[in-house]
Protein backbone atom coordinates (compact mmCIF):
# COMPACT_ATOMS: atom_id res chain seq x y z
CA MET A 1 9.97 231.10 68.63
CA VAL A 2 11.04 228.05 66.64
CA VAL A 3 14.44 228.36 65.00
CA ILE A 4 14.81 226.70 61.62
CA VAL A 5 17.65 224.21 61.67
CA THR A 6 20.17 225.42 59.11
CA THR A 7 23.41 226.15 60.94
CA GLN A 8 24.22 222.66 62.22
CA ARG A 9 24.60 220.28 59.30
CA TRP A 10 26.32 217.06 58.20
CA GLU A 11 27.19 215.54 54.84
CA LEU A 12 25.54 212.14 55.18
CA GLY A 13 27.40 209.63 53.06
CA GLY A 14 29.61 212.48 51.91
CA ASP A 15 27.05 213.95 49.51
CA LEU A 16 23.71 214.39 51.30
CA ASP A 17 23.55 217.70 53.16
CA VAL A 18 21.24 217.25 56.16
CA ALA A 19 20.26 219.34 59.14
CA ARG A 20 21.49 217.68 62.33
CA ILE A 21 17.98 217.57 63.77
CA GLY A 22 15.75 215.30 61.72
CA TYR A 23 12.55 213.44 62.46
CA GLY A 24 11.78 209.80 63.30
CA ALA A 25 8.42 208.61 61.99
CA MET A 26 7.84 205.58 64.23
CA LYS A 27 5.57 207.34 66.72
CA LEU A 28 3.14 208.31 63.98
CA THR A 29 1.98 204.69 63.89
CA GLY A 30 2.03 203.74 67.56
CA TRP A 31 4.42 200.93 66.63
CA PRO A 32 5.34 198.70 68.41
CA ARG A 33 3.11 199.95 71.20
CA GLY A 34 1.61 203.14 72.50
CA GLU A 35 -0.76 205.83 71.35
CA ARG A 36 -0.60 207.53 67.98
CA PRO A 37 -1.93 210.81 66.61
CA ASP A 38 -4.86 210.92 64.24
CA ARG A 39 -4.11 210.93 60.53
CA ASP A 40 -4.54 214.67 59.98
CA THR A 41 -2.20 215.43 62.88
CA SER A 42 0.40 213.00 61.52
CA LEU A 43 0.30 214.59 58.08
CA GLY A 44 0.54 218.04 59.67
CA ILE A 45 3.57 217.03 61.74
CA LEU A 46 5.45 215.79 58.67
CA ARG A 47 4.66 218.93 56.67
CA ARG A 48 5.54 221.22 59.56
CA ALA A 49 8.84 219.42 60.10
CA VAL A 50 9.86 220.13 56.51
CA GLU A 51 8.68 223.76 56.82
CA LEU A 52 11.01 224.14 59.81
CA GLY A 53 14.06 222.91 57.93
CA VAL A 54 14.03 219.18 58.69
CA ASN A 55 15.33 217.30 55.65
CA HIS A 56 16.23 213.94 57.21
CA ILE A 57 13.34 211.58 57.97
CA ASP A 58 13.89 208.14 59.47
CA THR A 59 11.30 205.46 58.79
CA SER A 60 10.74 201.80 57.93
CA TYR A 61 8.18 199.80 56.02
CA TYR A 62 7.58 197.74 59.15
CA TYR A 63 6.58 200.81 61.17
CA ALA A 64 2.94 199.88 60.72
CA ARG A 65 0.11 198.92 63.05
CA ASP A 66 -3.62 198.50 62.59
CA GLY A 67 -3.45 199.69 59.01
CA VAL A 68 -1.43 202.83 59.79
CA SER A 69 1.91 202.90 57.92
CA ALA A 70 4.67 205.44 58.45
CA ASN A 71 5.82 205.22 54.83
CA GLU A 72 2.34 205.80 53.48
CA LEU A 73 1.89 208.82 55.75
CA ILE A 74 5.21 210.25 54.56
CA ARG A 75 4.22 209.76 50.94
CA GLU A 76 0.79 211.34 51.39
CA ALA A 77 2.19 214.31 53.30
CA LEU A 78 5.30 215.10 51.28
CA HIS A 79 5.25 213.51 47.79
CA PRO A 80 6.47 214.85 45.41
CA TYR A 81 9.39 215.21 47.77
CA PRO A 82 11.53 218.34 48.14
CA ASP A 83 14.80 217.99 46.26
CA ASP A 84 16.86 218.06 49.44
CA LEU A 85 14.74 215.63 51.49
CA VAL A 86 16.71 212.57 52.65
CA ILE A 87 14.63 209.54 53.61
CA VAL A 88 16.39 206.82 55.59
CA THR A 89 14.89 203.40 56.18
CA LYS A 90 15.94 200.09 57.68
CA VAL A 91 15.61 196.39 56.95
CA GLY A 92 16.49 193.42 59.10
CA ALA A 93 15.00 190.40 60.81
CA LEU A 94 11.48 191.90 60.81
CA VAL A 95 9.51 191.40 57.62
CA GLU A 96 6.30 192.94 58.95
CA GLY A 97 5.68 195.11 61.98
CA ALA A 98 3.94 192.29 63.82
CA ASP A 99 7.08 190.15 63.54
CA ILE A 100 8.52 191.89 66.58
CA ALA A 101 6.51 189.48 68.75
CA LEU A 102 7.70 186.34 66.95
CA PRO A 103 10.28 183.93 68.39
CA ALA A 104 13.74 184.50 66.95
CA ALA A 105 13.57 181.38 64.77
CA GLU A 106 10.49 182.73 62.97
CA LYS A 107 11.97 186.13 62.08
CA THR A 108 13.15 185.58 58.52
CA GLY A 109 13.94 189.07 57.28
CA LEU A 110 17.71 188.61 57.09
CA THR A 111 17.56 186.20 54.15
CA ALA A 112 18.62 187.56 50.77
CA ASP A 113 15.10 187.27 49.36
CA ASN A 114 13.47 189.02 52.30
CA LEU A 115 16.06 191.79 52.43
CA ARG A 116 15.28 192.50 48.78
CA ARG A 117 11.59 192.32 49.60
CA GLY A 118 12.11 194.84 52.39
CA VAL A 119 14.00 197.31 50.23
CA GLU A 120 11.44 197.00 47.44
CA ALA A 121 8.57 197.42 49.93
CA ASN A 122 10.13 200.67 51.16
CA LEU A 123 10.59 201.95 47.62
CA ARG A 124 7.05 201.06 46.64
CA SER A 125 5.34 202.48 49.72
CA LEU A 126 7.38 205.70 49.63
CA GLY A 127 7.06 206.17 45.87
CA LEU A 128 10.81 206.16 45.24
CA ASP A 129 13.14 204.57 42.70
CA ARG A 130 16.12 204.60 45.04
CA MET A 131 16.48 204.85 48.82
CA ASP A 132 18.86 207.52 50.07
CA VAL A 133 20.06 205.31 52.94
CA VAL A 134 19.16 201.78 54.02
CA ASN A 135 20.27 200.68 57.47
CA LEU A 136 20.85 197.01 58.13
CA ARG A 137 19.34 196.50 61.58
CA MET A 138 20.82 193.69 63.62
CA GLY A 139 20.03 192.42 67.11
CA ASP A 140 16.43 191.31 66.63
CA LEU A 141 17.28 187.61 66.73
CA GLY A 142 18.14 187.53 70.41
CA GLY A 143 21.22 189.74 70.53
CA ALA A 144 23.69 191.58 68.33
CA ASP A 145 25.91 188.48 68.11
CA ALA A 146 23.14 186.02 67.17
CA VAL A 147 24.10 186.14 63.48
CA SER A 148 26.89 187.73 61.47
CA LEU A 149 26.11 190.89 59.56
CA ALA A 150 28.40 189.87 56.69
CA GLU A 151 25.93 188.03 54.44
CA PRO A 152 23.00 190.44 54.84
CA LEU A 153 25.29 193.42 54.34
CA GLU A 154 26.68 191.83 51.17
CA THR A 155 23.08 191.43 49.96
CA LEU A 156 22.41 195.13 50.53
CA LEU A 157 25.69 196.01 48.82
CA ALA A 158 24.50 194.08 45.76
CA LEU A 159 21.20 196.00 45.83
CA ARG A 160 23.22 199.21 46.04
CA GLU A 161 25.15 198.17 42.96
CA GLU A 162 21.81 197.60 41.20
CA GLY A 163 20.91 201.21 41.93
CA LEU A 164 18.17 200.59 44.51
CA ILE A 165 20.17 202.11 47.39
CA ARG A 166 22.40 205.17 47.48
CA HIS A 167 24.13 204.64 50.85
CA LEU A 168 24.33 201.88 53.44
CA GLY A 169 24.13 202.11 57.22
CA ILE A 170 24.09 199.65 60.10
CA SER A 171 21.99 199.63 63.25
CA ASN A 172 22.00 198.04 66.68
CA ILE A 173 25.61 196.91 66.29
CA SER A 174 28.82 196.64 68.30
CA ALA A 175 32.19 198.27 67.73
CA ASP A 176 33.45 194.96 66.32
CA ASP A 177 30.49 194.86 63.92
CA PHE A 178 31.34 198.39 62.80
CA ALA A 179 34.91 197.38 62.01
CA GLU A 180 33.72 194.27 60.16
CA ALA A 181 31.10 196.17 58.17
CA ARG A 182 33.61 198.74 56.93
CA LYS A 183 35.65 195.92 55.40
CA ILE A 184 32.62 194.82 53.39
CA ALA A 185 30.97 198.03 52.25
CA PRO A 186 31.15 201.82 52.59
CA ILE A 187 29.14 202.73 55.70
CA SER A 188 27.50 206.15 55.91
CA CYS A 189 25.88 205.92 59.34
CA VAL A 190 25.42 203.90 62.52
CA GLN A 191 22.09 203.92 64.35
CA ASN A 192 22.30 202.70 67.96
CA LEU A 193 20.80 203.35 71.38
CA TYR A 194 22.58 206.33 72.93
CA ASN A 195 21.53 209.30 75.01
CA LEU A 196 22.51 211.37 78.03
CA SER A 197 21.66 208.49 80.38
CA ARG A 198 22.88 205.62 78.19
CA ARG A 199 26.48 206.19 77.14
CA ASP A 200 27.84 202.69 76.59
CA ASP A 201 28.52 203.61 72.97
CA ASP A 202 30.94 206.44 73.78
CA PRO A 203 33.87 204.66 72.08
CA LEU A 204 31.77 203.89 69.00
CA VAL A 205 30.60 207.50 68.71
CA ASP A 206 34.26 208.54 68.64
CA ALA A 207 35.22 205.79 66.19
CA CYS A 208 32.47 206.91 63.82
CA ALA A 209 33.57 210.53 64.11
CA GLU A 210 37.15 209.57 63.29
CA ALA A 211 35.94 207.63 60.23
CA GLY A 212 33.65 210.44 59.03
CA VAL A 213 30.57 208.30 59.65
CA ALA A 214 27.35 209.74 61.06
CA TYR A 215 26.14 208.39 64.39
CA VAL A 216 22.36 208.50 64.74
CA PRO A 217 21.13 207.71 68.28
CA PHE A 218 17.72 206.18 68.56
CA PHE A 219 15.71 207.08 71.65
CA PRO A 220 17.69 210.34 71.98
CA VAL A 221 15.49 211.46 74.85
CA GLY A 222 14.96 207.97 76.24
CA GLY A 223 12.06 206.59 74.23
CA PHE A 224 9.84 204.49 76.48
CA GLN A 225 12.16 205.27 79.43
CA PRO A 226 12.68 209.06 79.54
CA VAL A 227 16.21 210.33 80.06
CA THR A 228 17.19 210.95 83.65
CA ALA A 229 20.52 212.43 84.64
CA GLU A 230 21.85 214.27 87.62
CA HIS A 231 21.62 218.06 87.26
CA LEU A 232 19.51 217.80 84.08
CA GLU A 233 16.66 219.85 85.55
CA ALA A 234 19.04 222.47 86.91
CA VAL A 235 20.65 222.99 83.51
CA ALA A 236 17.23 223.16 81.85
CA ALA A 237 16.07 225.78 84.34
CA ARG A 238 19.11 227.97 83.67
CA HIS A 239 18.26 228.04 79.97
CA ASP A 240 14.48 228.25 80.39
CA ALA A 241 14.35 225.01 78.41
CA THR A 242 12.75 221.61 78.87
CA THR A 243 14.75 218.59 79.97
CA PRO A 244 14.26 216.85 76.57
CA GLN A 245 15.65 219.96 74.87
CA VAL A 246 18.75 219.81 77.07
CA ALA A 247 19.13 216.10 76.32
CA LEU A 248 19.03 216.84 72.58
CA ALA A 249 21.40 219.80 72.90
CA TRP A 250 23.83 217.60 74.86
CA LEU A 251 23.88 215.11 71.98
CA LEU A 252 24.54 217.87 69.45
CA ALA A 253 27.42 219.12 71.63
CA ARG A 254 28.77 215.60 72.19
CA SER A 255 30.15 215.16 68.67
CA PRO A 256 29.59 216.89 65.31
CA ASN A 257 28.80 213.59 63.58
CA ILE A 258 25.72 212.97 65.74
CA LEU A 259 22.43 213.36 63.85
CA LEU A 260 19.18 213.42 65.79
CA ILE A 261 15.87 211.84 64.78
CA PRO A 262 13.53 212.52 67.73
CA GLY A 263 10.04 211.26 67.06
CA THR A 264 6.79 212.71 68.32
CA GLY A 265 3.08 212.63 67.68
CA SER A 266 2.63 216.23 68.84
CA LEU A 267 3.12 219.41 66.82
CA ALA A 268 4.11 221.28 69.96
CA HIS A 269 6.77 218.70 70.83
CA LEU A 270 8.03 218.74 67.24
CA GLU A 271 8.65 222.48 67.46
CA GLU A 272 10.20 222.07 70.91
CA ASN A 273 12.59 219.41 69.59
CA ILE A 274 13.65 221.49 66.62
CA ALA A 275 14.17 224.56 68.81
CA ALA A 276 16.75 222.53 70.77
CA GLY A 277 19.07 223.14 67.83
CA ALA A 278 19.45 226.74 69.01
CA LEU A 279 20.22 225.80 72.60
CA GLU A 280 23.92 226.30 73.28
CA LEU A 281 25.12 224.54 76.41
CA THR A 282 28.04 226.16 78.19
CA ALA A 283 31.19 224.41 79.32
CA GLU A 284 29.77 224.62 82.84
CA ASP A 285 26.55 222.92 81.70
CA LEU A 286 28.44 220.10 80.01
CA ALA A 287 30.67 219.56 83.00
CA GLU A 288 27.65 219.44 85.27
CA LEU A 289 25.94 216.88 83.08
CA GLY A 290 29.11 214.77 83.14
């Protein structure tokens, strides 16, 4: 039985009530590589996610490949949107999805003009007047320290003041970047790589929690490299759960400010991911997982 996610929630940005298990739309397009579901399956996944209580969808206008766009799928499946649906997007060095393969010098998305273009492209393709959250994604120019986030974040802050953005987030950043960003603008969330096997961001998770900022791990079950951890299978067996469910439950137990956006192109996996919200790991489980 799939349990609707209602009991574990977070106030994103202080005023957007979201279930802690959301949905990431990237896999609907097969971007940047990999298989994707057919269109009808993609639309069904988005509608089923909302039926099951998901009200936080993560996307981007550059999640697009071979004419398949995540934003357009979201719009077709869900528009007019439920009143409580929170759609989060990102802008950064990539202007189009294919830009991921460009040399760093040819990725121009962090200019003021292209950041505006990115925000407006998201609004247009999603059919919105204002984005709930826009994450500034860094690190696509050869490393998180390749350029400062100050100028692009100031550009997004100006777009927020124009009314195009409700809240700002940052992605693929360091603890120092987080501290710098908070001096420039109010930050509602951080989106970084973090999971049961990849815990380098432990201090940043705690810093975000202390500041009341959501931490949204991408690749929560490993992405292209599935999570592996000692004793993971043993814990899963005790709960009659899958190892990805345990990995998601571990993140929920790790800190109350962690919001999950697992992506999938399978209805069965969608329901499995959402059901992880009802999986309560014991103190023994957590100690065994380290």
